[in-house]
N, C-alpha and C. Protein backbone atom coordinates (compact mmCIF):
# COMPACT_ATOMS: atom_id res chain seq x y z
N MET A 1 0.83 -1.13 0.03
CA MET A 1 0.03 -0.01 0.01
C MET A 1 0.88 1.25 -0.01
N SER A 2 0.53 2.16 -0.92
CA SER A 2 1.36 3.35 -0.97
C SER A 2 0.85 4.41 0.03
N PRO A 3 1.71 5.41 0.44
CA PRO A 3 1.19 6.32 1.37
C PRO A 3 0.01 7.14 0.85
N ALA A 4 -0.23 7.17 -0.42
CA ALA A 4 -1.29 7.99 -1.09
C ALA A 4 -2.56 7.20 -0.82
N GLU A 5 -2.57 5.82 -0.69
CA GLU A 5 -3.76 5.05 -0.45
C GLU A 5 -4.23 4.98 0.97
N VAL A 6 -3.27 5.39 1.91
CA VAL A 6 -3.63 5.37 3.34
C VAL A 6 -4.43 6.70 3.64
N ARG A 7 -5.66 6.51 4.19
CA ARG A 7 -6.38 7.68 4.45
C ARG A 7 -6.52 7.80 5.97
N HIS A 8 -6.44 9.01 6.38
CA HIS A 8 -6.55 9.26 7.76
C HIS A 8 -7.98 9.87 7.99
N HIS A 9 -8.73 9.24 8.91
CA HIS A 9 -10.06 9.73 9.14
C HIS A 9 -9.89 10.76 10.31
N PRO A 10 -10.51 11.89 10.09
CA PRO A 10 -10.41 12.89 11.16
C PRO A 10 -11.36 12.40 12.39
N LYS A 11 -10.99 12.73 13.65
CA LYS A 11 -11.78 12.47 14.81
C LYS A 11 -13.04 13.29 14.72
N PRO A 12 -14.14 12.71 15.23
CA PRO A 12 -15.36 13.57 15.21
C PRO A 12 -15.22 14.62 16.22
N ALA A 13 -15.83 15.77 15.85
CA ALA A 13 -15.77 16.92 16.76
C ALA A 13 -16.75 16.77 17.94
N VAL A 14 -16.40 17.25 19.03
CA VAL A 14 -17.26 17.18 20.19
C VAL A 14 -17.97 18.51 20.31
N GLN A 15 -19.30 18.47 20.42
CA GLN A 15 -20.04 19.60 20.44
C GLN A 15 -20.78 19.74 21.80
N THR A 16 -20.79 20.92 22.45
CA THR A 16 -21.46 20.98 23.74
C THR A 16 -22.74 21.86 23.49
N ILE A 17 -23.84 21.36 23.91
CA ILE A 17 -25.14 22.07 23.71
C ILE A 17 -25.66 22.43 25.14
N GLU A 18 -25.93 23.62 25.30
CA GLU A 18 -26.44 24.10 26.55
C GLU A 18 -28.06 24.23 26.39
N VAL A 19 -28.84 23.73 27.31
CA VAL A 19 -30.22 23.72 27.29
C VAL A 19 -30.74 24.57 28.43
N THR A 20 -31.48 25.58 28.12
CA THR A 20 -32.08 26.41 29.21
C THR A 20 -33.62 26.25 29.20
N PRO A 21 -34.24 26.23 30.34
CA PRO A 21 -35.73 26.04 30.36
C PRO A 21 -36.28 27.36 29.81
N PRO A 22 -37.52 27.24 29.25
CA PRO A 22 -38.24 28.37 28.75
C PRO A 22 -38.54 29.32 29.90
N PRO A 23 -38.53 30.64 29.65
CA PRO A 23 -38.92 31.60 30.64
C PRO A 23 -40.29 31.44 31.14
N ALA A 24 -40.50 31.72 32.49
CA ALA A 24 -41.85 31.57 33.06
C ALA A 24 -42.76 32.67 32.41
N PRO A 25 -44.03 32.39 32.26
CA PRO A 25 -44.93 33.30 31.61
C PRO A 25 -44.97 34.65 32.53
N VAL A 26 -45.04 35.70 31.89
CA VAL A 26 -45.16 37.00 32.55
C VAL A 26 -46.55 37.46 32.48
N PRO A 27 -47.21 37.90 33.64
CA PRO A 27 -48.50 38.41 33.60
C PRO A 27 -48.53 39.74 32.68
N PRO A 28 -49.62 39.88 32.04
CA PRO A 28 -49.68 41.11 31.17
C PRO A 28 -49.52 42.37 31.95
N SER A 29 -48.88 43.36 31.49
CA SER A 29 -48.82 44.62 32.19
C SER A 29 -49.97 45.45 31.82
N ALA A 30 -50.07 46.59 32.57
CA ALA A 30 -51.22 47.52 32.28
C ALA A 30 -51.23 47.98 30.86
N GLU A 31 -50.03 48.15 30.24
CA GLU A 31 -49.97 48.66 28.91
C GLU A 31 -50.56 47.71 27.89
N GLN A 32 -50.50 46.37 28.17
CA GLN A 32 -50.95 45.39 27.27
C GLN A 32 -52.46 45.13 27.36
N ARG A 33 -53.13 45.70 28.46
CA ARG A 33 -54.52 45.51 28.66
C ARG A 33 -55.32 46.43 27.76
N ALA A 34 -56.35 45.79 27.21
CA ALA A 34 -57.34 46.55 26.41
C ALA A 34 -58.13 47.37 27.35
N PRO A 35 -58.83 48.42 26.82
CA PRO A 35 -59.65 49.25 27.63
C PRO A 35 -60.80 48.37 28.38
N SER A 36 -61.13 47.31 27.79
CA SER A 36 -62.19 46.57 28.47
C SER A 36 -61.68 45.70 29.64
N GLY A 37 -60.41 45.75 29.82
CA GLY A 37 -59.88 44.89 30.96
C GLY A 37 -59.32 43.60 30.58
N ARG A 38 -59.42 43.28 29.29
CA ARG A 38 -58.94 42.05 28.78
C ARG A 38 -57.55 42.28 28.27
N THR A 39 -56.72 41.08 28.23
CA THR A 39 -55.38 41.25 27.59
C THR A 39 -55.53 41.34 26.20
N SER A 40 -54.43 41.88 25.64
CA SER A 40 -54.48 42.13 24.19
C SER A 40 -54.39 40.75 23.55
N GLU A 41 -54.97 40.63 22.36
CA GLU A 41 -55.11 39.44 21.65
C GLU A 41 -53.80 39.07 20.86
N SER A 42 -52.90 39.94 20.83
CA SER A 42 -51.69 39.75 20.08
C SER A 42 -50.72 38.78 20.77
N ARG A 43 -50.92 38.67 22.12
CA ARG A 43 -50.04 37.80 22.90
C ARG A 43 -50.73 36.51 23.18
N PRO A 44 -50.13 35.38 22.90
CA PRO A 44 -50.74 34.06 23.00
C PRO A 44 -50.83 33.71 24.55
N GLN A 45 -51.77 33.00 24.86
CA GLN A 45 -52.04 32.51 26.28
C GLN A 45 -51.11 31.34 26.58
N PRO A 46 -50.44 31.33 27.64
CA PRO A 46 -49.64 30.12 27.92
C PRO A 46 -50.52 28.93 28.33
N ALA A 47 -49.91 27.80 28.00
CA ALA A 47 -50.68 26.58 28.18
C ALA A 47 -50.77 26.28 29.72
N PRO A 48 -51.92 25.78 30.19
CA PRO A 48 -51.94 25.50 31.65
C PRO A 48 -51.07 24.33 31.96
N GLU A 49 -50.55 24.36 33.18
CA GLU A 49 -49.62 23.25 33.65
C GLU A 49 -50.44 22.06 33.92
N PRO A 50 -49.94 20.82 33.52
CA PRO A 50 -50.74 19.69 33.75
C PRO A 50 -50.72 19.38 35.22
N GLN A 51 -51.84 19.02 35.86
CA GLN A 51 -52.07 18.63 37.23
C GLN A 51 -51.96 17.10 37.34
N PRO A 52 -51.38 16.65 38.40
CA PRO A 52 -51.28 15.11 38.56
C PRO A 52 -52.67 14.64 38.83
N ALA A 53 -52.89 13.47 38.27
CA ALA A 53 -54.26 12.78 38.48
C ALA A 53 -54.36 12.47 39.94
N PRO A 54 -55.56 12.65 40.49
CA PRO A 54 -55.80 12.25 41.93
C PRO A 54 -55.67 10.79 42.06
N GLU A 55 -55.08 10.38 43.21
CA GLU A 55 -54.91 8.89 43.40
C GLU A 55 -56.34 8.22 43.71
N PRO A 56 -56.58 7.18 43.12
CA PRO A 56 -57.87 6.52 43.42
C PRO A 56 -57.98 6.04 44.88
N GLU A 57 -59.10 6.14 45.42
CA GLU A 57 -59.29 5.68 46.83
C GLU A 57 -59.15 4.12 46.89
N PRO A 58 -58.49 3.58 47.85
CA PRO A 58 -58.45 2.14 47.92
C PRO A 58 -59.84 1.51 48.07
N ALA A 59 -59.99 0.35 47.40
CA ALA A 59 -61.29 -0.29 47.54
C ALA A 59 -61.50 -0.65 48.93
N ARG A 60 -62.80 -0.45 49.43
CA ARG A 60 -63.14 -0.70 50.80
C ARG A 60 -63.36 -2.17 50.94
N ARG A 61 -62.67 -2.72 51.92
CA ARG A 61 -62.87 -4.21 52.23
C ARG A 61 -63.82 -4.35 53.33
N SER A 62 -64.53 -5.44 53.25
CA SER A 62 -65.46 -5.73 54.38
C SER A 62 -64.57 -6.20 55.51
N PRO A 63 -64.97 -6.01 56.68
CA PRO A 63 -64.17 -6.38 57.83
C PRO A 63 -64.04 -7.95 57.72
N PRO A 64 -62.87 -8.44 58.26
CA PRO A 64 -62.70 -9.89 58.24
C PRO A 64 -63.64 -10.56 59.13
N ALA A 65 -63.92 -11.83 58.86
CA ALA A 65 -64.90 -12.58 59.74
C ALA A 65 -64.34 -12.56 61.19
N ALA A 66 -65.23 -12.54 62.05
CA ALA A 66 -64.81 -12.39 63.46
C ALA A 66 -64.07 -13.73 63.85
N ARG A 67 -62.86 -13.51 64.30
CA ARG A 67 -62.13 -14.63 64.80
C ARG A 67 -61.97 -14.53 66.25
N PRO A 68 -61.86 -15.61 66.92
CA PRO A 68 -61.64 -15.53 68.41
C PRO A 68 -60.32 -14.84 68.58
N GLU A 69 -60.24 -13.95 69.65
CA GLU A 69 -59.02 -13.21 69.94
C GLU A 69 -57.90 -14.23 70.33
N GLU A 70 -56.79 -13.93 69.66
CA GLU A 70 -55.58 -14.77 70.04
C GLU A 70 -54.54 -13.81 70.62
N PRO A 71 -53.75 -14.20 71.55
CA PRO A 71 -52.73 -13.40 72.11
C PRO A 71 -51.66 -13.05 70.98
N GLU A 72 -51.16 -11.84 71.13
CA GLU A 72 -50.13 -11.40 70.21
C GLU A 72 -48.83 -12.29 70.32
N ALA A 73 -48.39 -12.57 71.54
CA ALA A 73 -47.18 -13.37 71.76
C ALA A 73 -47.61 -14.73 72.25
N ILE A 74 -47.16 -15.79 71.61
CA ILE A 74 -47.48 -17.16 72.04
C ILE A 74 -46.47 -17.44 73.11
N ALA A 75 -46.96 -18.02 74.23
CA ALA A 75 -46.05 -18.29 75.35
C ALA A 75 -45.22 -19.51 74.91
N THR A 76 -44.01 -19.60 75.40
CA THR A 76 -43.06 -20.64 75.10
C THR A 76 -43.01 -21.67 76.21
N PHE A 77 -43.18 -22.91 75.80
CA PHE A 77 -43.03 -24.00 76.84
C PHE A 77 -41.58 -24.31 77.08
N ILE A 78 -41.10 -24.02 78.21
CA ILE A 78 -39.65 -24.35 78.56
C ILE A 78 -39.55 -25.60 79.31
N ASP A 79 -38.89 -26.55 78.83
CA ASP A 79 -38.66 -27.84 79.40
C ASP A 79 -37.86 -27.60 80.68
N GLY A 80 -38.30 -28.09 81.83
CA GLY A 80 -37.54 -27.78 83.05
C GLY A 80 -38.25 -26.97 83.98
N GLY A 81 -39.29 -26.27 83.45
CA GLY A 81 -40.12 -25.39 84.31
C GLY A 81 -40.18 -23.98 83.94
N SER A 82 -41.45 -23.49 83.77
CA SER A 82 -41.64 -22.05 83.52
C SER A 82 -43.11 -21.69 83.97
N PRO A 83 -43.30 -20.51 84.39
CA PRO A 83 -44.62 -20.19 84.82
C PRO A 83 -45.67 -20.18 83.58
N ASP A 84 -45.16 -20.00 82.41
CA ASP A 84 -45.95 -19.95 81.20
C ASP A 84 -46.26 -21.36 80.61
N ASN A 85 -45.68 -22.36 81.10
CA ASN A 85 -45.89 -23.73 80.52
C ASN A 85 -47.31 -24.17 80.48
N ASP A 86 -48.07 -23.96 81.53
CA ASP A 86 -49.52 -24.37 81.56
C ASP A 86 -50.23 -23.64 80.45
N ALA A 87 -50.05 -22.30 80.33
CA ALA A 87 -50.79 -21.49 79.46
C ALA A 87 -50.47 -21.97 78.00
N ALA A 88 -49.13 -22.14 77.70
CA ALA A 88 -48.75 -22.62 76.36
C ALA A 88 -49.28 -23.94 76.07
N LEU A 89 -49.42 -24.86 76.95
CA LEU A 89 -49.91 -26.15 76.73
C LEU A 89 -51.40 -26.08 76.49
N ALA A 90 -52.19 -25.33 77.26
CA ALA A 90 -53.56 -25.21 77.14
C ALA A 90 -53.94 -24.50 75.79
N PHE A 91 -53.14 -23.54 75.35
CA PHE A 91 -53.40 -22.86 74.20
C PHE A 91 -53.17 -23.86 72.96
N ALA A 92 -52.09 -24.59 72.99
CA ALA A 92 -51.93 -25.64 71.92
C ALA A 92 -52.96 -26.65 71.82
N GLN A 93 -53.29 -27.29 73.08
CA GLN A 93 -54.36 -28.31 73.17
C GLN A 93 -55.76 -27.82 72.55
N GLN A 94 -56.10 -26.58 72.85
CA GLN A 94 -57.31 -26.04 72.37
C GLN A 94 -57.26 -26.03 70.86
N ARG A 95 -56.23 -25.64 70.20
CA ARG A 95 -56.16 -25.48 68.76
C ARG A 95 -55.77 -26.78 68.02
N LEU A 96 -55.27 -27.74 68.67
CA LEU A 96 -54.77 -28.91 68.00
C LEU A 96 -55.56 -30.18 68.42
N SER A 97 -56.64 -29.97 69.13
CA SER A 97 -57.37 -31.11 69.67
C SER A 97 -57.90 -32.15 68.63
N ASP A 98 -58.20 -31.58 67.36
CA ASP A 98 -58.87 -32.53 66.30
C ASP A 98 -57.78 -32.92 65.31
N ILE A 99 -56.51 -32.74 65.55
CA ILE A 99 -55.46 -33.05 64.55
C ILE A 99 -55.04 -34.51 64.61
N LYS A 100 -55.02 -35.12 63.42
CA LYS A 100 -54.62 -36.50 63.34
C LYS A 100 -53.44 -36.77 62.37
N ARG A 101 -53.19 -35.65 61.55
CA ARG A 101 -52.03 -35.73 60.57
C ARG A 101 -51.21 -34.51 60.70
N VAL A 102 -49.88 -34.70 60.65
CA VAL A 102 -48.91 -33.63 60.82
C VAL A 102 -47.81 -33.81 59.81
N SER A 103 -47.18 -32.81 59.47
CA SER A 103 -45.90 -32.88 58.60
C SER A 103 -44.73 -32.56 59.58
N LEU A 104 -43.61 -33.08 59.30
CA LEU A 104 -42.39 -32.93 60.17
C LEU A 104 -41.30 -32.13 59.26
N ASP A 105 -40.64 -31.25 60.03
CA ASP A 105 -39.53 -30.57 59.51
C ASP A 105 -38.44 -30.71 60.51
N THR A 106 -37.54 -31.79 60.39
CA THR A 106 -36.50 -32.11 61.36
C THR A 106 -35.43 -32.94 60.63
N SER A 107 -34.29 -32.79 61.29
CA SER A 107 -33.15 -33.66 60.79
C SER A 107 -32.93 -34.79 61.73
N ASP A 108 -33.70 -34.84 62.86
CA ASP A 108 -33.54 -35.95 63.81
C ASP A 108 -34.26 -37.20 63.36
N PRO A 109 -33.37 -38.21 63.09
CA PRO A 109 -34.09 -39.54 62.61
C PRO A 109 -34.94 -40.29 63.56
N GLN A 110 -34.89 -39.93 64.79
CA GLN A 110 -35.75 -40.58 65.77
C GLN A 110 -37.13 -39.98 66.02
N LEU A 111 -37.38 -38.70 65.62
CA LEU A 111 -38.54 -38.07 65.91
C LEU A 111 -39.79 -38.62 65.10
N PRO A 112 -39.63 -38.99 63.77
CA PRO A 112 -40.83 -39.50 63.11
C PRO A 112 -41.42 -40.77 63.85
N ALA A 113 -40.56 -41.70 64.40
CA ALA A 113 -41.08 -42.86 64.99
C ALA A 113 -41.81 -42.39 66.37
N LEU A 114 -41.23 -41.48 67.02
CA LEU A 114 -41.80 -40.99 68.23
C LEU A 114 -43.20 -40.33 68.00
N VAL A 115 -43.34 -39.58 66.91
CA VAL A 115 -44.63 -38.94 66.58
C VAL A 115 -45.63 -40.00 66.16
N ARG A 116 -45.21 -41.02 65.42
CA ARG A 116 -46.12 -42.16 65.03
C ARG A 116 -46.70 -42.87 66.34
N ASN A 117 -45.79 -43.04 67.24
CA ASN A 117 -46.18 -43.70 68.49
C ASN A 117 -47.30 -42.91 69.32
N LEU A 118 -47.35 -41.59 68.95
CA LEU A 118 -48.47 -40.82 69.67
C LEU A 118 -49.87 -40.98 68.88
N GLY A 119 -49.83 -41.78 67.82
CA GLY A 119 -51.12 -41.99 67.08
C GLY A 119 -51.29 -40.86 65.98
N LEU A 120 -50.25 -40.23 65.62
CA LEU A 120 -50.35 -39.15 64.55
C LEU A 120 -49.76 -39.74 63.26
N ALA A 121 -50.46 -39.42 62.17
CA ALA A 121 -49.90 -39.84 60.81
C ALA A 121 -49.08 -38.75 60.27
N ILE A 122 -48.00 -39.09 59.57
CA ILE A 122 -47.14 -38.00 59.02
C ILE A 122 -47.37 -37.92 57.51
N ALA A 123 -47.80 -36.71 57.08
CA ALA A 123 -48.11 -36.47 55.73
C ALA A 123 -47.54 -35.10 55.33
N ALA A 124 -47.06 -34.99 54.00
CA ALA A 124 -46.44 -33.75 53.68
C ALA A 124 -47.42 -32.66 53.46
N ASP A 125 -48.65 -32.94 53.14
CA ASP A 125 -49.64 -31.87 52.96
C ASP A 125 -50.53 -31.55 54.11
N ALA A 126 -50.09 -31.90 55.25
CA ALA A 126 -50.88 -31.76 56.51
C ALA A 126 -50.93 -30.23 56.90
N PRO A 127 -52.02 -29.73 57.42
CA PRO A 127 -52.08 -28.25 57.79
C PRO A 127 -51.19 -27.96 59.04
N VAL A 128 -50.82 -28.98 59.78
CA VAL A 128 -50.02 -28.79 60.97
C VAL A 128 -48.56 -29.20 60.75
N THR A 129 -47.65 -28.34 61.06
CA THR A 129 -46.17 -28.69 60.74
C THR A 129 -45.48 -28.57 62.07
N ILE A 130 -44.63 -29.64 62.38
CA ILE A 130 -43.82 -29.63 63.52
C ILE A 130 -42.34 -29.34 63.11
N HIS A 131 -41.80 -28.29 63.47
CA HIS A 131 -40.41 -27.94 63.15
C HIS A 131 -39.57 -28.23 64.43
N PHE A 132 -38.60 -29.07 64.30
CA PHE A 132 -37.75 -29.40 65.51
C PHE A 132 -36.27 -29.50 65.13
N SER A 133 -35.50 -28.99 66.00
CA SER A 133 -34.07 -29.12 65.93
C SER A 133 -33.50 -29.38 67.38
N GLY A 134 -32.70 -30.47 67.47
CA GLY A 134 -32.09 -30.68 68.77
C GLY A 134 -30.67 -31.26 68.53
N THR A 135 -29.90 -31.03 69.55
CA THR A 135 -28.44 -31.50 69.45
C THR A 135 -28.06 -32.14 70.78
N VAL A 136 -27.19 -33.15 70.70
CA VAL A 136 -26.61 -33.80 71.84
C VAL A 136 -25.00 -33.68 71.57
N THR A 137 -24.29 -33.16 72.53
CA THR A 137 -22.85 -33.14 72.36
C THR A 137 -22.21 -33.97 73.48
N HIS A 138 -21.42 -34.96 73.03
CA HIS A 138 -20.76 -35.85 74.11
C HIS A 138 -19.60 -35.26 74.62
N GLN A 139 -19.44 -35.14 75.92
CA GLN A 139 -18.36 -34.50 76.56
C GLN A 139 -17.54 -35.63 77.28
N ARG A 140 -16.53 -35.22 78.04
CA ARG A 140 -15.68 -36.06 78.80
C ARG A 140 -16.43 -36.70 80.02
N PHE A 141 -15.92 -37.83 80.42
CA PHE A 141 -16.36 -38.52 81.60
C PHE A 141 -17.89 -38.88 81.63
N GLY A 142 -18.37 -39.17 80.44
CA GLY A 142 -19.76 -39.65 80.31
C GLY A 142 -20.80 -38.58 80.41
N ARG A 143 -20.33 -37.29 80.42
CA ARG A 143 -21.29 -36.31 80.36
C ARG A 143 -21.73 -35.87 79.02
N LYS A 144 -22.96 -35.39 78.85
CA LYS A 144 -23.57 -34.91 77.54
C LYS A 144 -24.18 -33.57 77.75
N ARG A 145 -24.21 -32.80 76.67
CA ARG A 145 -24.86 -31.49 76.63
C ARG A 145 -25.97 -31.57 75.56
N ARG A 146 -27.20 -31.21 76.03
CA ARG A 146 -28.40 -31.27 75.09
C ARG A 146 -29.03 -29.99 75.02
N GLU A 147 -29.69 -29.70 73.87
CA GLU A 147 -30.55 -28.48 73.75
C GLU A 147 -31.59 -28.80 72.57
N GLY A 148 -32.67 -28.19 72.59
CA GLY A 148 -33.63 -28.38 71.47
C GLY A 148 -34.60 -27.21 71.40
N HIS A 149 -35.10 -27.02 70.17
CA HIS A 149 -36.13 -25.97 69.94
C HIS A 149 -37.08 -26.56 68.90
N ALA A 150 -38.33 -26.11 69.16
CA ALA A 150 -39.44 -26.62 68.23
C ALA A 150 -40.55 -25.60 68.22
N THR A 151 -41.28 -25.62 67.02
CA THR A 151 -42.48 -24.81 66.90
C THR A 151 -43.51 -25.72 66.19
N ILE A 152 -44.75 -25.51 66.57
CA ILE A 152 -45.83 -26.20 65.82
C ILE A 152 -46.69 -25.13 65.12
N THR A 153 -46.81 -25.18 63.88
CA THR A 153 -47.68 -24.23 63.19
C THR A 153 -48.95 -24.93 62.59
N LYS A 154 -49.94 -24.09 62.51
CA LYS A 154 -51.18 -24.57 61.87
C LYS A 154 -51.62 -23.66 60.81
N ASN A 155 -51.64 -24.05 59.60
CA ASN A 155 -51.92 -23.07 58.54
C ASN A 155 -51.03 -21.85 58.51
N GLY A 156 -49.83 -22.14 58.83
CA GLY A 156 -48.84 -21.01 58.76
C GLY A 156 -48.77 -20.19 60.04
N ARG A 157 -49.68 -20.40 60.96
CA ARG A 157 -49.64 -19.60 62.22
C ARG A 157 -49.05 -20.36 63.42
N THR A 158 -48.09 -19.83 64.13
CA THR A 158 -47.51 -20.48 65.32
C THR A 158 -48.53 -20.72 66.36
N ILE A 159 -48.60 -22.06 66.78
CA ILE A 159 -49.52 -22.48 67.85
C ILE A 159 -48.67 -22.75 69.08
N PHE A 160 -47.49 -23.26 68.98
CA PHE A 160 -46.73 -23.74 70.14
C PHE A 160 -45.33 -23.58 69.88
N ARG A 161 -44.57 -23.08 70.95
CA ARG A 161 -43.15 -23.00 70.94
C ARG A 161 -42.63 -23.92 72.11
N TYR A 162 -41.55 -24.58 71.81
CA TYR A 162 -40.85 -25.43 72.80
C TYR A 162 -39.37 -25.06 72.86
N GLU A 163 -38.84 -25.07 74.12
CA GLU A 163 -37.43 -24.83 74.27
C GLU A 163 -36.85 -25.73 75.35
N LEU A 164 -35.80 -26.44 74.98
CA LEU A 164 -35.02 -27.24 75.95
C LEU A 164 -33.74 -26.46 76.00
N LYS A 165 -33.58 -25.74 77.10
CA LYS A 165 -32.35 -24.83 77.22
C LYS A 165 -31.10 -25.80 77.31
N PRO A 166 -29.93 -25.29 76.84
CA PRO A 166 -28.75 -26.10 76.91
C PRO A 166 -28.41 -26.57 78.39
N GLU A 167 -28.24 -27.85 78.53
CA GLU A 167 -27.90 -28.37 79.89
C GLU A 167 -26.99 -29.65 79.73
N GLU A 168 -26.23 -29.80 80.77
CA GLU A 168 -25.36 -30.99 80.84
C GLU A 168 -26.13 -32.05 81.65
N TYR A 169 -25.97 -33.32 81.18
CA TYR A 169 -26.62 -34.50 81.98
C TYR A 169 -25.84 -35.68 81.68
N ARG A 170 -26.07 -36.66 82.50
CA ARG A 170 -25.44 -38.01 82.35
C ARG A 170 -26.52 -39.05 81.91
N VAL A 171 -27.73 -39.02 82.52
CA VAL A 171 -28.72 -40.00 82.20
C VAL A 171 -30.02 -39.23 81.97
N GLY A 172 -30.76 -39.61 80.96
CA GLY A 172 -32.04 -38.92 80.68
C GLY A 172 -32.36 -38.93 79.19
N ASP A 173 -33.42 -38.24 78.86
CA ASP A 173 -33.93 -38.21 77.47
C ASP A 173 -32.98 -37.45 76.59
N ASN A 174 -32.87 -37.79 75.37
CA ASN A 174 -32.24 -36.89 74.40
C ASN A 174 -33.30 -35.87 73.98
N PRO A 175 -32.91 -34.77 73.25
CA PRO A 175 -33.88 -33.72 72.93
C PRO A 175 -35.12 -34.26 72.18
N ALA A 176 -34.99 -35.15 71.33
CA ALA A 176 -36.22 -35.70 70.57
C ALA A 176 -37.16 -36.34 71.52
N GLU A 177 -36.62 -37.19 72.46
CA GLU A 177 -37.49 -37.84 73.47
C GLU A 177 -38.10 -36.90 74.42
N ALA A 178 -37.44 -35.85 74.82
CA ALA A 178 -37.91 -34.86 75.80
C ALA A 178 -39.13 -34.09 75.07
N PHE A 179 -38.94 -33.76 73.75
CA PHE A 179 -39.90 -33.13 73.02
C PHE A 179 -41.14 -34.05 72.79
N ALA A 180 -40.95 -35.23 72.51
CA ALA A 180 -42.02 -36.20 72.29
C ALA A 180 -42.89 -36.33 73.53
N ARG A 181 -42.16 -36.27 74.69
CA ARG A 181 -42.97 -36.38 75.99
C ARG A 181 -43.94 -35.14 76.03
N VAL A 182 -43.47 -33.97 75.65
CA VAL A 182 -44.34 -32.78 75.75
C VAL A 182 -45.40 -32.90 74.66
N LEU A 183 -45.03 -33.40 73.48
CA LEU A 183 -46.06 -33.63 72.43
C LEU A 183 -47.18 -34.52 72.82
N SER A 184 -46.84 -35.58 73.66
CA SER A 184 -47.92 -36.39 74.12
C SER A 184 -48.97 -35.67 74.86
N ASP A 185 -48.55 -34.60 75.66
CA ASP A 185 -49.48 -33.80 76.37
C ASP A 185 -50.21 -32.89 75.44
N VAL A 186 -49.60 -32.34 74.43
CA VAL A 186 -50.23 -31.43 73.45
C VAL A 186 -51.29 -32.09 72.66
N PHE A 187 -51.05 -33.33 72.22
CA PHE A 187 -51.97 -34.15 71.39
C PHE A 187 -52.75 -35.15 72.22
N SER A 188 -52.84 -34.93 73.54
CA SER A 188 -53.48 -36.01 74.29
C SER A 188 -54.96 -35.99 73.94
N ARG A 189 -55.58 -37.22 73.94
CA ARG A 189 -56.91 -37.37 73.49
C ARG A 189 -57.77 -37.80 74.61
């Protein structure tokens, strides 16, 4: 390629454009008024500014069907003793008295058998779900440390809370067995 065949393209020029808003309309002065008090017709009238549309009122809903009053905070059943245990147990018994099927959310392999021993069927589509997590940690000299937490929900609403606070023990129930003992009181027939 010869130097005459090589073409250099010029760089595009950069252009700066300044935009200014239109001036605000000026009210007509006394000189522009006609004797009748109207503005002169030679000056065009400014367009009215658009007003935002009013927001539609929300649709009125009928009040929900009357439900029995439920306490805002569900009392927690604390294994080992708590003044709220009786209230938590009574609340759960009242709402779970007719339940025969439950679903389980747990990683404890022992809990499904313990639940079946209570006369409950386990089904994935049941309206009542038992959520349970418990741990046992083996320590020195035959001691163990256990703790557990559980909730029972019915149609997505919490009905019962259970807590086995962390404690050391040598002989006794593991967390699943301790929770099953309380479940037998909740689902007693």
